[in-house]
């Protein structure tokens, strides 16, 4: 059981590192070509909009978490640049 947990944790750490280094992957729908070919016509891929790459799910989760943290963090508000900031009134 401990070995399975360790393997799962290492796989998660590896995927997190991959999302940090390479946030984009080839589109699975068009195989990275940017176009879809049906019987007679060639159209732009609807999933990647012809850009050939998609944002990884893990990177999307990291970006969402960062945005939520940034929105919930209070920033010190300074009235004048000359005054020093004190956290109490």
PDB file of N, CA and C in Angstrom:
ATOM      1  N   UNK A   1       0.820  -1.195   0.000  1.00  0.00           N
ATOM      2  CA  UNK A   1       0.000   0.000   0.000  1.00  0.00           C
ATOM      3  C   UNK A   1       0.865   1.260   0.000  1.00  0.00           C
ATOM      4  N   UNK A   2       1.938   1.226   0.785  1.00  0.00           N
ATOM      5  CA  UNK A   2       2.817   2.387   0.846  1.00  0.00           C
ATOM      6  C   UNK A   2       3.550   2.579  -0.480  1.00  0.00           C
ATOM      7  N   UNK A   3       3.878   1.474  -1.130  1.00  0.00           N
ATOM      8  CA  UNK A   3       4.563   1.563  -2.413  1.00  0.00           C
ATOM      9  C   UNK A   3       3.654   2.158  -3.485  1.00  0.00           C
ATOM     10  N   UNK A   4       2.390   1.776  -3.476  1.00  0.00           N
ATOM     11  CA  UNK A   4       1.428   2.324  -4.441  1.00  0.00           C
ATOM     12  C   UNK A   4       1.226   3.816  -4.207  1.00  0.00           C
ATOM     13  N   UNK A   5       1.176   4.215  -2.953  1.00  0.00           N
ATOM     14  CA  UNK A   5       1.029   5.637  -2.638  1.00  0.00           C
ATOM     15  C   UNK A   5       2.256   6.425  -3.085  1.00  0.00           C
ATOM     16  N   UNK A   6       3.426   5.838  -2.901  1.00  0.00           N
ATOM     17  CA  UNK A   6       4.660   6.498  -3.312  1.00  0.00           C
ATOM     18  C   UNK A   6       4.721   6.645  -4.831  1.00  0.00           C
ATOM     19  N   UNK A   7       4.319   5.610  -5.544  1.00  0.00           N
ATOM     20  CA  UNK A   7       4.312   5.671  -7.009  1.00  0.00           C
ATOM     21  C   UNK A   7       3.325   6.730  -7.492  1.00  0.00           C
ATOM     22  N   UNK A   8       2.136   6.777  -6.882  1.00  0.00           N
ATOM     23  CA  UNK A   8       1.145   7.787  -7.265  1.00  0.00           C
ATOM     24  C   UNK A   8       1.656   9.194  -6.970  1.00  0.00           C
ATOM     25  N   UNK A   9       2.318   9.378  -5.850  1.00  0.00           N
ATOM     26  CA  UNK A   9       2.867  10.684  -5.489  1.00  0.00           C
ATOM     27  C   UNK A   9       3.984  11.100  -6.447  1.00  0.00           C
ATOM     28  N   UNK A  10       4.833  10.167  -6.845  1.00  0.00           N
ATOM     29  CA  UNK A  10       5.894  10.480  -7.804  1.00  0.00           C
ATOM     30  C   UNK A  10       5.326  10.794  -9.180  1.00  0.00           C
ATOM     31  N   UNK A  11       4.269  10.090  -9.583  1.00  0.00           N
ATOM     32  CA  UNK A  11       3.636  10.379 -10.868  1.00  0.00           C
ATOM     33  C   UNK A  11       3.010  11.770 -10.855  1.00  0.00           C
ATOM     34  N   UNK A  12       2.370  12.128  -9.753  1.00  0.00           N
ATOM     35  CA  UNK A  12       1.778  13.459  -9.625  1.00  0.00           C
ATOM     36  C   UNK A  12       2.848  14.549  -9.642  1.00  0.00           C
ATOM     37  N   UNK A  13       3.956  14.307  -8.972  1.00  0.00           N
ATOM     38  CA  UNK A  13       5.048  15.284  -8.964  1.00  0.00           C
ATOM     39  C   UNK A  13       5.651  15.426 -10.359  1.00  0.00           C
ATOM     40  N   UNK A  14       5.779  14.323 -11.078  1.00  0.00           N
ATOM     41  CA  UNK A  14       6.300  14.374 -12.438  1.00  0.00           C
ATOM     42  C   UNK A  14       5.381  15.140 -13.376  1.00  0.00           C
ATOM     43  N   UNK A  15       4.063  14.922 -13.246  1.00  0.00           N
ATOM     44  CA  UNK A  15       3.110  15.636 -14.094  1.00  0.00           C
ATOM     45  C   UNK A  15       3.095  17.124 -13.764  1.00  0.00           C
ATOM     46  N   UNK A  16       3.234  17.463 -12.488  1.00  0.00           N
ATOM     47  CA  UNK A  16       3.295  18.868 -12.088  1.00  0.00           C
ATOM     48  C   UNK A  16       4.538  19.538 -12.685  1.00  0.00           C
ATOM     49  N   UNK A  17       5.662  18.837 -12.662  1.00  0.00           N
ATOM     50  CA  UNK A  17       6.879  19.386 -13.259  1.00  0.00           C
ATOM     51  C   UNK A  17       6.715  19.536 -14.773  1.00  0.00           C
ATOM     52  N   UNK A  18       6.054  18.567 -15.409  1.00  0.00           N
ATOM     53  CA  UNK A  18       5.819  18.650 -16.851  1.00  0.00           C
ATOM     54  C   UNK A  18       4.931  19.844 -17.187  1.00  0.00           C
ATOM     55  N   UNK A  19       3.899  20.074 -16.372  1.00  0.00           N
ATOM     56  CA  UNK A  19       3.012  21.220 -16.616  1.00  0.00           C
ATOM     57  C   UNK A  19       3.748  22.535 -16.416  1.00  0.00           C
ATOM     58  N   UNK A  20       4.712  22.555 -15.532  1.00  0.00           N
ATOM     59  CA  UNK A  20       5.494  23.773 -15.322  1.00  0.00           C
ATOM     60  C   UNK A  20       6.458  24.056 -16.453  1.00  0.00           C
ATOM     61  N   UNK A  21       7.076  22.998 -17.018  1.00  0.00           N
ATOM     62  CA  UNK A  21       8.063  23.188 -18.071  1.00  0.00           C
ATOM     63  C   UNK A  21       7.436  23.281 -19.464  1.00  0.00           C
ATOM     64  N   UNK A  22       6.427  22.460 -19.720  1.00  0.00           N
ATOM     65  CA  UNK A  22       5.763  22.464 -21.023  1.00  0.00           C
ATOM     66  C   UNK A  22       4.263  22.584 -20.821  1.00  0.00           C
ATOM     67  N   UNK A  23       3.739  23.799 -20.688  1.00  0.00           N
ATOM     68  CA  UNK A  23       2.311  23.951 -20.389  1.00  0.00           C
ATOM     69  C   UNK A  23       1.402  23.586 -21.554  1.00  0.00           C
ATOM     70  N   UNK A  24       1.924  23.549 -22.770  1.00  0.00           N
ATOM     71  CA  UNK A  24       1.093  23.236 -23.929  1.00  0.00           C
ATOM     72  C   UNK A  24       1.443  21.859 -24.480  1.00  0.00           C
ATOM     73  N   UNK A  25       0.421  21.165 -24.989  1.00  0.00           N
ATOM     74  CA  UNK A  25       0.598  19.864 -25.619  1.00  0.00           C
ATOM     75  C   UNK A  25      -0.106  19.874 -26.969  1.00  0.00           C
ATOM     76  N   UNK A  26       0.216  18.916 -27.817  1.00  0.00           N
ATOM     77  CA  UNK A  26      -0.449  18.825 -29.109  1.00  0.00           C
ATOM     78  C   UNK A  26      -1.922  18.536 -28.905  1.00  0.00           C
ATOM     79  N   UNK A  27      -2.748  19.084 -29.780  1.00  0.00           N
ATOM     80  CA  UNK A  27      -4.189  18.860 -29.726  1.00  0.00           C
ATOM     81  C   UNK A  27      -4.468  17.392 -30.018  1.00  0.00           C
ATOM     82  N   UNK A  28      -5.314  16.769 -29.191  1.00  0.00           N
ATOM     83  CA  UNK A  28      -5.629  15.360 -29.398  1.00  0.00           C
ATOM     84  C   UNK A  28      -6.625  15.152 -30.518  1.00  0.00           C
ATOM     85  N   UNK A  29      -7.452  16.114 -30.771  1.00  0.00           N
ATOM     86  CA  UNK A  29      -8.494  15.965 -31.784  1.00  0.00           C
ATOM     87  C   UNK A  29      -7.912  15.981 -33.199  1.00  0.00           C
ATOM     88  N   UNK A  30      -6.997  16.911 -33.475  1.00  0.00           N
ATOM     89  CA  UNK A  30      -6.437  17.040 -34.819  1.00  0.00           C
ATOM     90  C   UNK A  30      -5.003  16.522 -34.906  1.00  0.00           C
ATOM     91  N   UNK A  31      -4.490  15.947 -33.831  1.00  0.00           N
ATOM     92  CA  UNK A  31      -3.112  15.426 -33.765  1.00  0.00           C
ATOM     93  C   UNK A  31      -2.066  16.494 -34.039  1.00  0.00           C
ATOM     94  N   UNK A  32      -2.373  17.728 -33.693  1.00  0.00           N
ATOM     95  CA  UNK A  32      -1.419  18.817 -33.824  1.00  0.00           C
ATOM     96  C   UNK A  32      -1.322  19.417 -35.215  1.00  0.00           C
ATOM     97  N   UNK A  33      -2.266  19.136 -36.096  1.00  0.00           N
ATOM     98  CA  UNK A  33      -2.221  19.716 -37.437  1.00  0.00           C
ATOM     99  C   UNK A  33      -2.986  21.029 -37.520  1.00  0.00           C
ATOM    100  N   UNK A  34      -3.998  21.197 -36.687  1.00  0.00           N
ATOM    101  CA  UNK A  34      -4.789  22.427 -36.696  1.00  0.00           C
ATOM    102  C   UNK A  34      -6.007  22.360 -37.591  1.00  0.00           C
ATOM    103  N   UNK A  35      -6.123  21.300 -38.377  1.00  0.00           N
ATOM    104  CA  UNK A  35      -7.271  21.157 -39.267  1.00  0.00           C
ATOM    105  C   UNK A  35      -7.885  19.768 -39.089  1.00  0.00           C
ATOM    106  N   UNK A  36      -9.164  19.681 -39.364  1.00  0.00           N
ATOM    107  CA  UNK A  36      -9.884  18.408 -39.335  1.00  0.00           C
ATOM    108  C   UNK A  36     -10.352  18.121 -40.749  1.00  0.00           C
ATOM    109  N   UNK A  37     -10.187  16.902 -41.165  1.00  0.00           N
ATOM    110  CA  UNK A  37     -10.591  16.539 -42.512  1.00  0.00           C
ATOM    111  C   UNK A  37     -11.746  15.544 -42.428  1.00  0.00           C
ATOM    112  N   UNK A  38     -12.882  15.964 -42.968  1.00  0.00           N
ATOM    113  CA  UNK A  38     -14.013  15.063 -43.058  1.00  0.00           C
ATOM    114  C   UNK A  38     -14.030  14.488 -44.469  1.00  0.00           C
ATOM    115  N   UNK A  39     -15.126  13.984 -44.908  1.00  0.00           N
ATOM    116  CA  UNK A  39     -15.169  13.317 -46.218  1.00  0.00           C
ATOM    117  C   UNK A  39     -14.652  14.184 -47.354  1.00  0.00           C
ATOM    118  N   UNK A  40     -15.209  15.375 -47.487  1.00  0.00           N
ATOM    119  CA  UNK A  40     -14.836  16.214 -48.630  1.00  0.00           C
ATOM    120  C   UNK A  40     -14.276  17.577 -48.251  1.00  0.00           C
ATOM    121  N   UNK A  41     -14.402  17.946 -47.024  1.00  0.00           N
ATOM    122  CA  UNK A  41     -13.938  19.295 -46.708  1.00  0.00           C
ATOM    123  C   UNK A  41     -12.959  19.292 -45.547  1.00  0.00           C
ATOM    124  N   UNK A  42     -12.125  20.302 -45.572  1.00  0.00           N
ATOM    125  CA  UNK A  42     -11.124  20.503 -44.532  1.00  0.00           C
ATOM    126  C   UNK A  42     -11.551  21.730 -43.739  1.00  0.00           C
ATOM    127  N   UNK A  43     -11.673  21.558 -42.415  1.00  0.00           N
ATOM    128  CA  UNK A  43     -12.099  22.667 -41.563  1.00  0.00           C
ATOM    129  C   UNK A  43     -11.077  22.878 -40.451  1.00  0.00           C
ATOM    130  N   UNK A  44     -11.137  24.035 -39.856  1.00  0.00           N
ATOM    131  CA  UNK A  44     -10.277  24.351 -38.722  1.00  0.00           C
ATOM    132  C   UNK A  44     -10.754  23.535 -37.519  1.00  0.00           C
ATOM    133  N   UNK A  45      -9.831  23.018 -36.759  1.00  0.00           N
ATOM    134  CA  UNK A  45     -10.166  22.201 -35.586  1.00  0.00           C
ATOM    135  C   UNK A  45     -10.940  23.041 -34.571  1.00  0.00           C
ATOM    136  N   UNK A  46     -12.062  22.509 -34.095  1.00  0.00           N
ATOM    137  CA  UNK A  46     -12.888  23.262 -33.143  1.00  0.00           C
ATOM    138  C   UNK A  46     -12.280  23.284 -31.749  1.00  0.00           C
ATOM    139  N   UNK A  47     -11.522  22.276 -31.407  1.00  0.00           N
ATOM    140  CA  UNK A  47     -10.960  22.204 -30.065  1.00  0.00           C
ATOM    141  C   UNK A  47      -9.805  23.187 -29.860  1.00  0.00           C
ATOM    142  N   UNK A  48      -8.884  23.228 -30.818  1.00  0.00           N
ATOM    143  CA  UNK A  48      -7.711  24.108 -30.657  1.00  0.00           C
ATOM    144  C   UNK A  48      -7.812  25.376 -31.500  1.00  0.00           C
ATOM    145  N   UNK A  49      -8.878  25.527 -32.290  1.00  0.00           N
ATOM    146  CA  UNK A  49      -9.113  26.695 -33.141  1.00  0.00           C
ATOM    147  C   UNK A  49      -7.973  26.930 -34.135  1.00  0.00           C
ATOM    148  N   UNK A  50      -7.350  25.843 -34.587  1.00  0.00           N
ATOM    149  CA  UNK A  50      -6.288  25.950 -35.577  1.00  0.00           C
ATOM    150  C   UNK A  50      -4.928  26.296 -35.019  1.00  0.00           C
ATOM    151  N   UNK A  51      -4.799  26.397 -33.712  1.00  0.00           N
ATOM    152  CA  UNK A  51      -3.517  26.768 -33.110  1.00  0.00           C
ATOM    153  C   UNK A  51      -2.589  25.580 -32.914  1.00  0.00           C
ATOM    154  N   UNK A  52      -3.082  24.379 -33.074  1.00  0.00           N
ATOM    155  CA  UNK A  52      -2.353  23.114 -33.013  1.00  0.00           C
ATOM    156  C   UNK A  52      -1.942  22.692 -31.620  1.00  0.00           C
ATOM    157  N   UNK A  53      -2.067  23.537 -30.619  1.00  0.00           N
ATOM    158  CA  UNK A  53      -1.684  23.192 -29.258  1.00  0.00           C
ATOM    159  C   UNK A  53      -2.840  23.493 -28.310  1.00  0.00           C
ATOM    160  N   UNK A  54      -2.860  22.797 -27.182  1.00  0.00           N
ATOM    161  CA  UNK A  54      -3.876  23.026 -26.159  1.00  0.00           C
ATOM    162  C   UNK A  54      -3.171  23.174 -24.815  1.00  0.00           C
ATOM    163  N   UNK A  55      -3.817  23.830 -23.889  1.00  0.00           N
ATOM    164  CA  UNK A  55      -3.271  23.990 -22.547  1.00  0.00           C
ATOM    165  C   UNK A  55      -3.544  22.713 -21.761  1.00  0.00           C
ATOM    166  N   UNK A  56      -2.540  22.182 -21.098  1.00  0.00           N
ATOM    167  CA  UNK A  56      -2.716  20.947 -20.323  1.00  0.00           C
ATOM    168  C   UNK A  56      -3.690  21.174 -19.178  1.00  0.00           C
ATOM    169  N   UNK A  57      -4.363  20.110 -18.771  1.00  0.00           N
ATOM    170  CA  UNK A  57      -5.343  20.198 -17.688  1.00  0.00           C
ATOM    171  C   UNK A  57      -4.667  20.611 -16.387  1.00  0.00           C
ATOM    172  N   UNK A  58      -3.511  20.048 -16.109  1.00  0.00           N
ATOM    173  CA  UNK A  58      -2.792  20.396 -14.880  1.00  0.00           C
ATOM    174  C   UNK A  58      -2.384  21.852 -14.846  1.00  0.00           C
ATOM    175  N   UNK A  59      -1.971  22.384 -15.986  1.00  0.00           N
ATOM    176  CA  UNK A  59      -1.584  23.795 -16.046  1.00  0.00           C
ATOM    177  C   UNK A  59      -2.799  24.684 -15.874  1.00  0.00           C
ATOM    178  N   UNK A  60      -3.939  24.253 -16.428  1.00  0.00           N
ATOM    179  CA  UNK A  60      -5.174  25.012 -16.256  1.00  0.00           C
ATOM    180  C   UNK A  60      -5.553  25.064 -14.775  1.00  0.00           C
ATOM    181  N   UNK A  61      -5.372  23.944 -14.053  1.00  0.00           N
ATOM    182  CA  UNK A  61      -5.660  23.925 -12.616  1.00  0.00           C
ATOM    183  C   UNK A  61      -4.699  24.836 -11.847  1.00  0.00           C
ATOM    184  N   UNK A  62      -3.420  24.812 -12.217  1.00  0.00           N
ATOM    185  CA  UNK A  62      -2.451  25.692 -11.561  1.00  0.00           C
ATOM    186  C   UNK A  62      -2.786  27.160 -11.788  1.00  0.00           C
ATOM    187  N   UNK A  63      -3.166  27.515 -13.023  1.00  0.00           N
ATOM    188  CA  UNK A  63      -3.522  28.901 -13.325  1.00  0.00           C
ATOM    189  C   UNK A  63      -4.771  29.335 -12.558  1.00  0.00           C
ATOM    190  N   UNK A  64      -5.768  28.447 -12.462  1.00  0.00           N
ATOM    191  CA  UNK A  64      -6.989  28.774 -11.731  1.00  0.00           C
ATOM    192  C   UNK A  64      -6.702  28.969 -10.250  1.00  0.00           C
ATOM    193  N   UNK A  65      -5.891  28.092  -9.674  1.00  0.00           N
ATOM    194  CA  UNK A  65      -5.527  28.230  -8.261  1.00  0.00           C
ATOM    195  C   UNK A  65      -4.777  29.509  -7.984  1.00  0.00           C
ATOM    196  N   UNK A  66      -3.879  29.879  -8.898  1.00  0.00           N
ATOM    197  CA  UNK A  66      -3.125  31.129  -8.737  1.00  0.00           C
ATOM    198  C   UNK A  66      -4.042  32.340  -8.835  1.00  0.00           C
ATOM    199  N   UNK A  67      -5.005  32.299  -9.765  1.00  0.00           N
ATOM    200  CA  UNK A  67      -5.949  33.408  -9.904  1.00  0.00           C
ATOM    201  C   UNK A  67      -6.841  33.544  -8.680  1.00  0.00           C
ATOM    202  N   UNK A  68      -7.293  32.426  -8.126  1.00  0.00           N
ATOM    203  CA  UNK A  68      -8.124  32.460  -6.927  1.00  0.00           C
ATOM    204  C   UNK A  68      -7.328  33.017  -5.750  1.00  0.00           C
ATOM    205  N   UNK A  69      -6.077  32.599  -5.617  1.00  0.00           N
ATOM    206  CA  UNK A  69      -5.242  33.105  -4.523  1.00  0.00           C
ATOM    207  C   UNK A  69      -4.997  34.604  -4.671  1.00  0.00           C
ATOM    208  N   UNK A  70      -4.726  35.041  -5.908  1.00  0.00           N
ATOM    209  CA  UNK A  70      -4.477  36.462  -6.148  1.00  0.00           C
ATOM    210  C   UNK A  70      -5.718  37.297  -5.870  1.00  0.00           C
ATOM    211  N   UNK A  71      -6.896  36.760  -6.213  1.00  0.00           N
ATOM    212  CA  UNK A  71      -8.131  37.507  -5.981  1.00  0.00           C
ATOM    213  C   UNK A  71      -8.472  37.586  -4.491  1.00  0.00           C
ATOM    214  N   UNK A  72      -8.061  36.589  -3.715  1.00  0.00           N
ATOM    215  CA  UNK A  72      -8.400  36.576  -2.299  1.00  0.00           C
ATOM    216  C   UNK A  72      -7.363  37.197  -1.400  1.00  0.00           C
ATOM    217  N   UNK A  73      -6.234  37.593  -1.933  1.00  0.00           N
ATOM    218  CA  UNK A  73      -5.171  38.178  -1.134  1.00  0.00           C
ATOM    219  C   UNK A  73      -5.362  39.681  -1.047  1.00  0.00           C
ATOM    220  N   UNK A  74      -5.236  40.214   0.161  1.00  0.00           N
ATOM    221  CA  UNK A  74      -5.379  41.656   0.346  1.00  0.00           C
ATOM    222  C   UNK A  74      -4.046  42.327   0.081  1.00  0.00           C
ATOM    223  N   UNK A  75      -4.082  43.398  -0.654  1.00  0.00           N
ATOM    224  CA  UNK A  75      -2.887  44.170  -0.947  1.00  0.00           C
ATOM    225  C   UNK A  75      -2.918  45.453  -0.120  1.00  0.00           C
ATOM    226  N   UNK A  76      -1.782  45.887   0.393  1.00  0.00           N
ATOM    227  CA  UNK A  76      -1.771  47.134   1.160  1.00  0.00           C
ATOM    228  C   UNK A  76      -2.134  48.309   0.271  1.00  0.00           C
ATOM    229  N   UNK A  77      -3.015  49.149   0.777  1.00  0.00           N
ATOM    230  CA  UNK A  77      -3.460  50.314   0.014  1.00  0.00           C
ATOM    231  C   UNK A  77      -2.766  51.540   0.573  1.00  0.00           C
ATOM    232  N   UNK A  78      -2.035  52.219  -0.263  1.00  0.00           N
ATOM    233  CA  UNK A  78      -1.329  53.423   0.169  1.00  0.00           C
ATOM    234  C   UNK A  78      -2.033  54.647  -0.410  1.00  0.00           C
ATOM    235  N   UNK A  79      -2.276  55.626   0.469  1.00  0.00           N
ATOM    236  CA  UNK A  79      -2.907  56.855   0.012  1.00  0.00           C
ATOM    237  C   UNK A  79      -1.877  57.765  -0.645  1.00  0.00           C
ATOM    238  N   UNK A  80      -0.758  57.949   0.032  1.00  0.00           N
ATOM    239  CA  UNK A  80       0.318  58.773  -0.497  1.00  0.00           C
ATOM    240  C   UNK A  80       1.579  57.935  -0.568  1.00  0.00           C
ATOM    241  N   UNK A  81       2.389  58.176  -1.541  1.00  0.00           N
ATOM    242  CA  UNK A  81       3.628  57.415  -1.672  1.00  0.00           C
ATOM    243  C   UNK A  81       4.637  57.818  -0.596  1.00  0.00           C
ATOM    244  N   UNK A  82       4.478  59.019  -0.009  1.00  0.00           N
ATOM    245  CA  UNK A  82       5.416  59.494   1.007  1.00  0.00           C
ATOM    246  C   UNK A  82       5.159  58.851   2.364  1.00  0.00           C
ATOM    247  N   UNK A  83       3.924  58.454   2.646  1.00  0.00           N
ATOM    248  CA  UNK A  83       3.590  57.873   3.938  1.00  0.00           C
ATOM    249  C   UNK A  83       4.050  56.428   3.988  1.00  0.00           C
ATOM    250  N   UNK A  84       4.493  56.012   5.185  1.00  0.00           N
ATOM    251  CA  UNK A  84       4.848  54.628   5.358  1.00  0.00           C
ATOM    252  C   UNK A  84       3.593  53.823   5.670  1.00  0.00           C
ATOM    253  N   UNK A  85       3.580  52.584   5.251  1.00  0.00           N
ATOM    254  CA  UNK A  85       2.425  51.725   5.469  1.00  0.00           C
ATOM    255  C   UNK A  85       2.500  51.077   6.839  1.00  0.00           C
ATOM    256  N   UNK A  86       1.431  51.170   7.609  1.00  0.00           N
ATOM    257  CA  UNK A  86       1.326  50.445   8.868  1.00  0.00           C
ATOM    258  C   UNK A  86       0.061  49.582   8.796  1.00  0.00           C
ATOM    259  N   UNK A  87       0.119  48.324   9.227  1.00  0.00           N
ATOM    260  CA  UNK A  87      -1.044  47.458   9.101  1.00  0.00           C
ATOM    261  C   UNK A  87      -2.165  47.813  10.042  1.00  0.00           C
ATOM    262  N   UNK A  88      -1.960  48.684  11.038  1.00  0.00           N
ATOM    263  CA  UNK A  88      -2.998  49.098  11.959  1.00  0.00           C
ATOM    264  C   UNK A  88      -3.303  50.570  11.753  1.00  0.00           C
ATOM    265  N   UNK A  89      -4.513  50.986  12.056  1.00  0.00           N
ATOM    266  CA  UNK A  89      -4.890  52.389  11.836  1.00  0.00           C
ATOM    267  C   UNK A  89      -4.254  53.350  12.803  1.00  0.00           C
TER     268      UNK A  89
END
